[in-house]
């Protein structure tokens, strides 16, 4: 599965990352907070959470709003 990391600037295009790369990084570090772009589907984000929980991680997922408009948000995934 391919996911989009959050943008650093609104004018940038989001960078892509594979699910295997996310899992590998978590196995090396033990815990990490990831920020994903709003262009990811909610279904894909739930699949990510389920996949990480199946690997034995505790996962906290939420939408982070950074502006007043409805489309100004990103996804935060904190995996322990």
PDB file of N, CA and C in Angstrom:
ATOM      1  N   UNK A   1       0.851  -1.172   0.000  1.00  0.00           N
ATOM      2  CA  UNK A   1       0.000   0.000   0.000  1.00  0.00           C
ATOM      3  C   UNK A   1       0.899   1.238   0.000  1.00  0.00           C
ATOM      4  N   UNK A   2       0.504   2.222  -0.769  1.00  0.00           N
ATOM      5  CA  UNK A   2       1.263   3.465  -0.870  1.00  0.00           C
ATOM      6  C   UNK A   2       0.484   4.581  -0.181  1.00  0.00           C
ATOM      7  N   UNK A   3       1.161   5.301   0.719  1.00  0.00           N
ATOM      8  CA  UNK A   3       0.540   6.386   1.467  1.00  0.00           C
ATOM      9  C   UNK A   3       1.275   7.689   1.184  1.00  0.00           C
ATOM     10  N   UNK A   4       0.605   8.798   1.425  1.00  0.00           N
ATOM     11  CA  UNK A   4       1.184  10.120   1.190  1.00  0.00           C
ATOM     12  C   UNK A   4       1.524  10.772   2.527  1.00  0.00           C
ATOM     13  N   UNK A   5       2.787  11.147   2.702  1.00  0.00           N
ATOM     14  CA  UNK A   5       3.198  11.855   3.910  1.00  0.00           C
ATOM     15  C   UNK A   5       2.709  13.293   3.845  1.00  0.00           C
ATOM     16  N   UNK A   6       2.539  13.907   4.998  1.00  0.00           N
ATOM     17  CA  UNK A   6       2.056  15.291   5.054  1.00  0.00           C
ATOM     18  C   UNK A   6       3.039  16.228   4.367  1.00  0.00           C
ATOM     19  N   UNK A   7       2.503  17.271   3.777  1.00  0.00           N
ATOM     20  CA  UNK A   7       3.317  18.278   3.089  1.00  0.00           C
ATOM     21  C   UNK A   7       3.953  19.221   4.113  1.00  0.00           C
ATOM     22  N   UNK A   8       5.139  19.717   3.796  1.00  0.00           N
ATOM     23  CA  UNK A   8       5.762  20.745   4.633  1.00  0.00           C
ATOM     24  C   UNK A   8       5.244  22.132   4.277  1.00  0.00           C
ATOM     25  N   UNK A   9       4.904  22.331   3.023  1.00  0.00           N
ATOM     26  CA  UNK A   9       4.342  23.590   2.535  1.00  0.00           C
ATOM     27  C   UNK A   9       3.070  23.270   1.756  1.00  0.00           C
ATOM     28  N   UNK A  10       2.101  24.151   1.800  1.00  0.00           N
ATOM     29  CA  UNK A  10       0.834  23.897   1.110  1.00  0.00           C
ATOM     30  C   UNK A  10       1.004  23.766  -0.394  1.00  0.00           C
ATOM     31  N   UNK A  11       2.012  24.431  -0.949  1.00  0.00           N
ATOM     32  CA  UNK A  11       2.218  24.396  -2.398  1.00  0.00           C
ATOM     33  C   UNK A  11       2.974  23.147  -2.861  1.00  0.00           C
ATOM     34  N   UNK A  12       3.560  22.385  -1.938  1.00  0.00           N
ATOM     35  CA  UNK A  12       4.311  21.177  -2.297  1.00  0.00           C
ATOM     36  C   UNK A  12       3.376  20.024  -2.614  1.00  0.00           C
ATOM     37  N   UNK A  13       3.915  19.054  -3.340  1.00  0.00           N
ATOM     38  CA  UNK A  13       3.194  17.801  -3.531  1.00  0.00           C
ATOM     39  C   UNK A  13       3.618  16.852  -2.409  1.00  0.00           C
ATOM     40  N   UNK A  14       2.707  16.036  -1.900  1.00  0.00           N
ATOM     41  CA  UNK A  14       3.078  15.120  -0.816  1.00  0.00           C
ATOM     42  C   UNK A  14       4.001  14.009  -1.313  1.00  0.00           C
ATOM     43  N   UNK A  15       4.905  13.576  -0.429  1.00  0.00           N
ATOM     44  CA  UNK A  15       5.827  12.488  -0.754  1.00  0.00           C
ATOM     45  C   UNK A  15       5.146  11.159  -0.478  1.00  0.00           C
ATOM     46  N   UNK A  16       5.483  10.155  -1.288  1.00  0.00           N
ATOM     47  CA  UNK A  16       4.883   8.831  -1.146  1.00  0.00           C
ATOM     48  C   UNK A  16       5.785   7.929  -0.315  1.00  0.00           C
ATOM     49  N   UNK A  17       5.154   7.040   0.458  1.00  0.00           N
ATOM     50  CA  UNK A  17       5.887   6.067   1.255  1.00  0.00           C
ATOM     51  C   UNK A  17       5.114   4.748   1.211  1.00  0.00           C
ATOM     52  N   UNK A  18       5.839   3.655   1.187  1.00  0.00           N
ATOM     53  CA  UNK A  18       5.224   2.328   1.177  1.00  0.00           C
ATOM     54  C   UNK A  18       4.949   1.875   2.613  1.00  0.00           C
ATOM     55  N   UNK A  19       3.929   1.067   2.791  1.00  0.00           N
ATOM     56  CA  UNK A  19       3.575   0.542   4.107  1.00  0.00           C
ATOM     57  C   UNK A  19       4.732  -0.245   4.706  1.00  0.00           C
ATOM     58  N   UNK A  20       5.444  -1.016   3.890  1.00  0.00           N
ATOM     59  CA  UNK A  20       6.577  -1.800   4.391  1.00  0.00           C
ATOM     60  C   UNK A  20       7.655  -0.900   4.983  1.00  0.00           C
ATOM     61  N   UNK A  21       7.878   0.263   4.392  1.00  0.00           N
ATOM     62  CA  UNK A  21       8.876   1.215   4.889  1.00  0.00           C
ATOM     63  C   UNK A  21       8.456   1.766   6.253  1.00  0.00           C
ATOM     64  N   UNK A  22       7.164   2.026   6.427  1.00  0.00           N
ATOM     65  CA  UNK A  22       6.644   2.507   7.709  1.00  0.00           C
ATOM     66  C   UNK A  22       6.856   1.442   8.780  1.00  0.00           C
ATOM     67  N   UNK A  23       6.526   0.199   8.462  1.00  0.00           N
ATOM     68  CA  UNK A  23       6.701  -0.899   9.419  1.00  0.00           C
ATOM     69  C   UNK A  23       8.169  -1.097   9.777  1.00  0.00           C
ATOM     70  N   UNK A  24       9.040  -1.015   8.773  1.00  0.00           N
ATOM     71  CA  UNK A  24      10.478  -1.189   9.002  1.00  0.00           C
ATOM     72  C   UNK A  24      11.016  -0.106   9.936  1.00  0.00           C
ATOM     73  N   UNK A  25      10.598   1.124   9.716  1.00  0.00           N
ATOM     74  CA  UNK A  25      11.044   2.235  10.557  1.00  0.00           C
ATOM     75  C   UNK A  25      10.555   2.065  11.991  1.00  0.00           C
ATOM     76  N   UNK A  26       9.328   1.591  12.152  1.00  0.00           N
ATOM     77  CA  UNK A  26       8.792   1.362  13.494  1.00  0.00           C
ATOM     78  C   UNK A  26       9.527   0.238  14.212  1.00  0.00           C
ATOM     79  N   UNK A  27       9.883  -0.809  13.484  1.00  0.00           N
ATOM     80  CA  UNK A  27      10.616  -1.910  14.109  1.00  0.00           C
ATOM     81  C   UNK A  27      11.993  -1.453  14.575  1.00  0.00           C
ATOM     82  N   UNK A  28      12.617  -0.537  13.826  1.00  0.00           N
ATOM     83  CA  UNK A  28      13.938  -0.032  14.206  1.00  0.00           C
ATOM     84  C   UNK A  28      13.871   0.939  15.380  1.00  0.00           C
ATOM     85  N   UNK A  29      12.859   1.805  15.404  1.00  0.00           N
ATOM     86  CA  UNK A  29      12.771   2.849  16.427  1.00  0.00           C
ATOM     87  C   UNK A  29      11.916   2.461  17.627  1.00  0.00           C
ATOM     88  N   UNK A  30      10.978   1.558  17.442  1.00  0.00           N
ATOM     89  CA  UNK A  30      10.103   1.158  18.533  1.00  0.00           C
ATOM     90  C   UNK A  30       8.834   1.992  18.629  1.00  0.00           C
ATOM     91  N   UNK A  31       8.940   3.283  18.414  1.00  0.00           N
ATOM     92  CA  UNK A  31       7.764   4.154  18.405  1.00  0.00           C
ATOM     93  C   UNK A  31       8.047   5.369  17.537  1.00  0.00           C
ATOM     94  N   UNK A  32       6.997   5.910  16.965  1.00  0.00           N
ATOM     95  CA  UNK A  32       7.154   7.090  16.107  1.00  0.00           C
ATOM     96  C   UNK A  32       5.790   7.702  15.848  1.00  0.00           C
ATOM     97  N   UNK A  33       5.794   9.001  15.604  1.00  0.00           N
ATOM     98  CA  UNK A  33       4.584   9.710  15.194  1.00  0.00           C
ATOM     99  C   UNK A  33       4.736  10.042  13.717  1.00  0.00           C
ATOM    100  N   UNK A  34       3.764   9.621  12.925  1.00  0.00           N
ATOM    101  CA  UNK A  34       3.747   9.894  11.492  1.00  0.00           C
ATOM    102  C   UNK A  34       2.617  10.871  11.198  1.00  0.00           C
ATOM    103  N   UNK A  35       2.849  11.758  10.242  1.00  0.00           N
ATOM    104  CA  UNK A  35       1.817  12.677   9.773  1.00  0.00           C
ATOM    105  C   UNK A  35       1.573  12.392   8.299  1.00  0.00           C
ATOM    106  N   UNK A  36       0.326  12.111   7.961  1.00  0.00           N
ATOM    107  CA  UNK A  36      -0.047  11.756   6.596  1.00  0.00           C
ATOM    108  C   UNK A  36      -0.951  12.826   5.999  1.00  0.00           C
ATOM    109  N   UNK A  37      -0.883  12.958   4.689  1.00  0.00           N
ATOM    110  CA  UNK A  37      -1.607  13.991   3.956  1.00  0.00           C
ATOM    111  C   UNK A  37      -3.113  13.720   3.925  1.00  0.00           C
ATOM    112  N   UNK A  38      -3.880  14.785   3.785  1.00  0.00           N
ATOM    113  CA  UNK A  38      -5.347  14.680   3.718  1.00  0.00           C
ATOM    114  C   UNK A  38      -5.823  13.973   2.460  1.00  0.00           C
ATOM    115  N   UNK A  39      -4.951  13.864   1.434  1.00  0.00           N
ATOM    116  CA  UNK A  39      -5.337  13.203   0.188  1.00  0.00           C
ATOM    117  C   UNK A  39      -5.410  11.683   0.318  1.00  0.00           C
ATOM    118  N   UNK A  40      -4.904  11.121   1.430  1.00  0.00           N
ATOM    119  CA  UNK A  40      -5.081   9.691   1.684  1.00  0.00           C
ATOM    120  C   UNK A  40      -6.553   9.442   2.002  1.00  0.00           C
ATOM    121  N   UNK A  41      -7.063   8.324   1.544  1.00  0.00           N
ATOM    122  CA  UNK A  41      -8.457   8.012   1.872  1.00  0.00           C
ATOM    123  C   UNK A  41      -8.542   7.530   3.321  1.00  0.00           C
ATOM    124  N   UNK A  42      -9.682   7.794   3.940  1.00  0.00           N
ATOM    125  CA  UNK A  42      -9.879   7.349   5.322  1.00  0.00           C
ATOM    126  C   UNK A  42      -9.795   5.822   5.391  1.00  0.00           C
ATOM    127  N   UNK A  43     -10.257   5.156   4.352  1.00  0.00           N
ATOM    128  CA  UNK A  43     -10.207   3.695   4.282  1.00  0.00           C
ATOM    129  C   UNK A  43      -8.752   3.202   4.314  1.00  0.00           C
ATOM    130  N   UNK A  44      -7.864   3.861   3.564  1.00  0.00           N
ATOM    131  CA  UNK A  44      -6.443   3.493   3.577  1.00  0.00           C
ATOM    132  C   UNK A  44      -5.820   3.735   4.947  1.00  0.00           C
ATOM    133  N   UNK A  45      -6.220   4.804   5.603  1.00  0.00           N
ATOM    134  CA  UNK A  45      -5.669   5.096   6.927  1.00  0.00           C
ATOM    135  C   UNK A  45      -6.122   4.051   7.947  1.00  0.00           C
ATOM    136  N   UNK A  46      -7.367   3.608   7.845  1.00  0.00           N
ATOM    137  CA  UNK A  46      -7.845   2.561   8.746  1.00  0.00           C
ATOM    138  C   UNK A  46      -7.136   1.232   8.456  1.00  0.00           C
ATOM    139  N   UNK A  47      -6.835   0.974   7.188  1.00  0.00           N
ATOM    140  CA  UNK A  47      -6.080  -0.228   6.824  1.00  0.00           C
ATOM    141  C   UNK A  47      -4.673  -0.160   7.405  1.00  0.00           C
ATOM    142  N   UNK A  48      -4.064   1.028   7.416  1.00  0.00           N
ATOM    143  CA  UNK A  48      -2.745   1.212   8.027  1.00  0.00           C
ATOM    144  C   UNK A  48      -2.809   0.917   9.518  1.00  0.00           C
ATOM    145  N   UNK A  49      -3.798   1.472  10.201  1.00  0.00           N
ATOM    146  CA  UNK A  49      -3.955   1.249  11.640  1.00  0.00           C
ATOM    147  C   UNK A  49      -4.133  -0.241  11.923  1.00  0.00           C
ATOM    148  N   UNK A  50      -4.996  -0.912  11.173  1.00  0.00           N
ATOM    149  CA  UNK A  50      -5.221  -2.349  11.369  1.00  0.00           C
ATOM    150  C   UNK A  50      -3.949  -3.146  11.125  1.00  0.00           C
ATOM    151  N   UNK A  51      -3.212  -2.786  10.096  1.00  0.00           N
ATOM    152  CA  UNK A  51      -1.981  -3.491   9.758  1.00  0.00           C
ATOM    153  C   UNK A  51      -0.938  -3.342  10.866  1.00  0.00           C
ATOM    154  N   UNK A  52      -0.801  -2.138  11.409  1.00  0.00           N
ATOM    155  CA  UNK A  52       0.164  -1.918  12.486  1.00  0.00           C
ATOM    156  C   UNK A  52      -0.266  -2.617  13.770  1.00  0.00           C
ATOM    157  N   UNK A  53      -1.567  -2.635  14.042  1.00  0.00           N
ATOM    158  CA  UNK A  53      -2.054  -3.352  15.222  1.00  0.00           C
ATOM    159  C   UNK A  53      -1.824  -4.849  15.081  1.00  0.00           C
ATOM    160  N   UNK A  54      -1.953  -5.380  13.868  1.00  0.00           N
ATOM    161  CA  UNK A  54      -1.675  -6.796  13.623  1.00  0.00           C
ATOM    162  C   UNK A  54      -0.207  -7.126  13.861  1.00  0.00           C
ATOM    163  N   UNK A  55       0.678  -6.146  13.690  1.00  0.00           N
ATOM    164  CA  UNK A  55       2.115  -6.327  13.932  1.00  0.00           C
ATOM    165  C   UNK A  55       2.443  -6.219  15.422  1.00  0.00           C
ATOM    166  N   UNK A  56       1.451  -5.888  16.252  1.00  0.00           N
ATOM    167  CA  UNK A  56       1.663  -5.815  17.693  1.00  0.00           C
ATOM    168  C   UNK A  56       1.879  -4.409  18.239  1.00  0.00           C
ATOM    169  N   UNK A  57       1.692  -3.390  17.423  1.00  0.00           N
ATOM    170  CA  UNK A  57       1.854  -2.011  17.880  1.00  0.00           C
ATOM    171  C   UNK A  57       0.540  -1.483  18.443  1.00  0.00           C
ATOM    172  N   UNK A  58       0.642  -0.611  19.442  1.00  0.00           N
ATOM    173  CA  UNK A  58      -0.510   0.163  19.896  1.00  0.00           C
ATOM    174  C   UNK A  58      -0.549   1.415  19.035  1.00  0.00           C
ATOM    175  N   UNK A  59      -1.691   1.683  18.421  1.00  0.00           N
ATOM    176  CA  UNK A  59      -1.782   2.773  17.449  1.00  0.00           C
ATOM    177  C   UNK A  59      -2.859   3.764  17.880  1.00  0.00           C
ATOM    178  N   UNK A  60      -2.482   5.048  17.870  1.00  0.00           N
ATOM    179  CA  UNK A  60      -3.409   6.134  18.151  1.00  0.00           C
ATOM    180  C   UNK A  60      -3.546   6.953  16.876  1.00  0.00           C
ATOM    181  N   UNK A  61      -4.773   7.136  16.429  1.00  0.00           N
ATOM    182  CA  UNK A  61      -5.053   7.780  15.148  1.00  0.00           C
ATOM    183  C   UNK A  61      -6.000   8.949  15.369  1.00  0.00           C
ATOM    184  N   UNK A  62      -5.693  10.081  14.733  1.00  0.00           N
ATOM    185  CA  UNK A  62      -6.612  11.223  14.806  1.00  0.00           C
ATOM    186  C   UNK A  62      -6.384  12.154  13.627  1.00  0.00           C
ATOM    187  N   UNK A  63      -7.367  13.003  13.388  1.00  0.00           N
ATOM    188  CA  UNK A  63      -7.254  14.056  12.381  1.00  0.00           C
ATOM    189  C   UNK A  63      -6.815  15.327  13.096  1.00  0.00           C
ATOM    190  N   UNK A  64      -5.799  15.986  12.564  1.00  0.00           N
ATOM    191  CA  UNK A  64      -5.288  17.226  13.136  1.00  0.00           C
ATOM    192  C   UNK A  64      -5.688  18.372  12.213  1.00  0.00           C
ATOM    193  N   UNK A  65      -6.477  19.309  12.726  1.00  0.00           N
ATOM    194  CA  UNK A  65      -6.888  20.481  11.934  1.00  0.00           C
ATOM    195  C   UNK A  65      -5.858  21.579  12.157  1.00  0.00           C
ATOM    196  N   UNK A  66      -5.423  22.205  11.067  1.00  0.00           N
ATOM    197  CA  UNK A  66      -4.451  23.290  11.171  1.00  0.00           C
ATOM    198  C   UNK A  66      -4.997  24.605  10.620  1.00  0.00           C
ATOM    199  N   UNK A  67      -6.271  24.638  10.324  1.00  0.00           N
ATOM    200  CA  UNK A  67      -6.909  25.857   9.828  1.00  0.00           C
ATOM    201  C   UNK A  67      -8.401  25.792  10.070  1.00  0.00           C
ATOM    202  N   UNK A  68      -9.099  26.815   9.630  1.00  0.00           N
ATOM    203  CA  UNK A  68     -10.542  26.878   9.855  1.00  0.00           C
ATOM    204  C   UNK A  68     -11.358  26.186   8.774  1.00  0.00           C
ATOM    205  N   UNK A  69     -10.801  26.031   7.593  1.00  0.00           N
ATOM    206  CA  UNK A  69     -11.537  25.403   6.489  1.00  0.00           C
ATOM    207  C   UNK A  69     -11.667  23.896   6.728  1.00  0.00           C
ATOM    208  N   UNK A  70     -12.700  23.307   6.141  1.00  0.00           N
ATOM    209  CA  UNK A  70     -12.943  21.876   6.320  1.00  0.00           C
ATOM    210  C   UNK A  70     -11.840  21.007   5.741  1.00  0.00           C
ATOM    211  N   UNK A  71     -11.144  21.497   4.714  1.00  0.00           N
ATOM    212  CA  UNK A  71     -10.120  20.673   4.073  1.00  0.00           C
ATOM    213  C   UNK A  71      -8.709  20.958   4.593  1.00  0.00           C
ATOM    214  N   UNK A  72      -8.590  21.647   5.703  1.00  0.00           N
ATOM    215  CA  UNK A  72      -7.283  21.950   6.285  1.00  0.00           C
ATOM    216  C   UNK A  72      -7.031  21.022   7.468  1.00  0.00           C
ATOM    217  N   UNK A  73      -6.627  19.814   7.137  1.00  0.00           N
ATOM    218  CA  UNK A  73      -6.333  18.822   8.169  1.00  0.00           C
ATOM    219  C   UNK A  73      -5.303  17.835   7.636  1.00  0.00           C
ATOM    220  N   UNK A  74      -4.742  17.061   8.555  1.00  0.00           N
ATOM    221  CA  UNK A  74      -3.851  15.961   8.207  1.00  0.00           C
ATOM    222  C   UNK A  74      -4.138  14.836   9.193  1.00  0.00           C
ATOM    223  N   UNK A  75      -3.625  13.672   8.894  1.00  0.00           N
ATOM    224  CA  UNK A  75      -3.808  12.524   9.774  1.00  0.00           C
ATOM    225  C   UNK A  75      -2.556  12.327  10.621  1.00  0.00           C
ATOM    226  N   UNK A  76      -2.758  12.065  11.903  1.00  0.00           N
ATOM    227  CA  UNK A  76      -1.645  11.760  12.799  1.00  0.00           C
ATOM    228  C   UNK A  76      -1.775  10.302  13.231  1.00  0.00           C
ATOM    229  N   UNK A  77      -0.692   9.559  13.103  1.00  0.00           N
ATOM    230  CA  UNK A  77      -0.657   8.162  13.536  1.00  0.00           C
ATOM    231  C   UNK A  77       0.518   8.016  14.487  1.00  0.00           C
ATOM    232  N   UNK A  78       0.221   7.723  15.748  1.00  0.00           N
ATOM    233  CA  UNK A  78       1.253   7.518  16.762  1.00  0.00           C
ATOM    234  C   UNK A  78       1.273   6.028  17.079  1.00  0.00           C
ATOM    235  N   UNK A  79       2.379   5.390  16.739  1.00  0.00           N
ATOM    236  CA  UNK A  79       2.499   3.945  16.944  1.00  0.00           C
ATOM    237  C   UNK A  79       3.546   3.672  18.012  1.00  0.00           C
ATOM    238  N   UNK A  80       3.188   2.835  18.977  1.00  0.00           N
ATOM    239  CA  UNK A  80       4.088   2.431  20.065  1.00  0.00           C
ATOM    240  C   UNK A  80       4.302   0.935  20.021  1.00  0.00           C
TER     241      UNK A  80
END
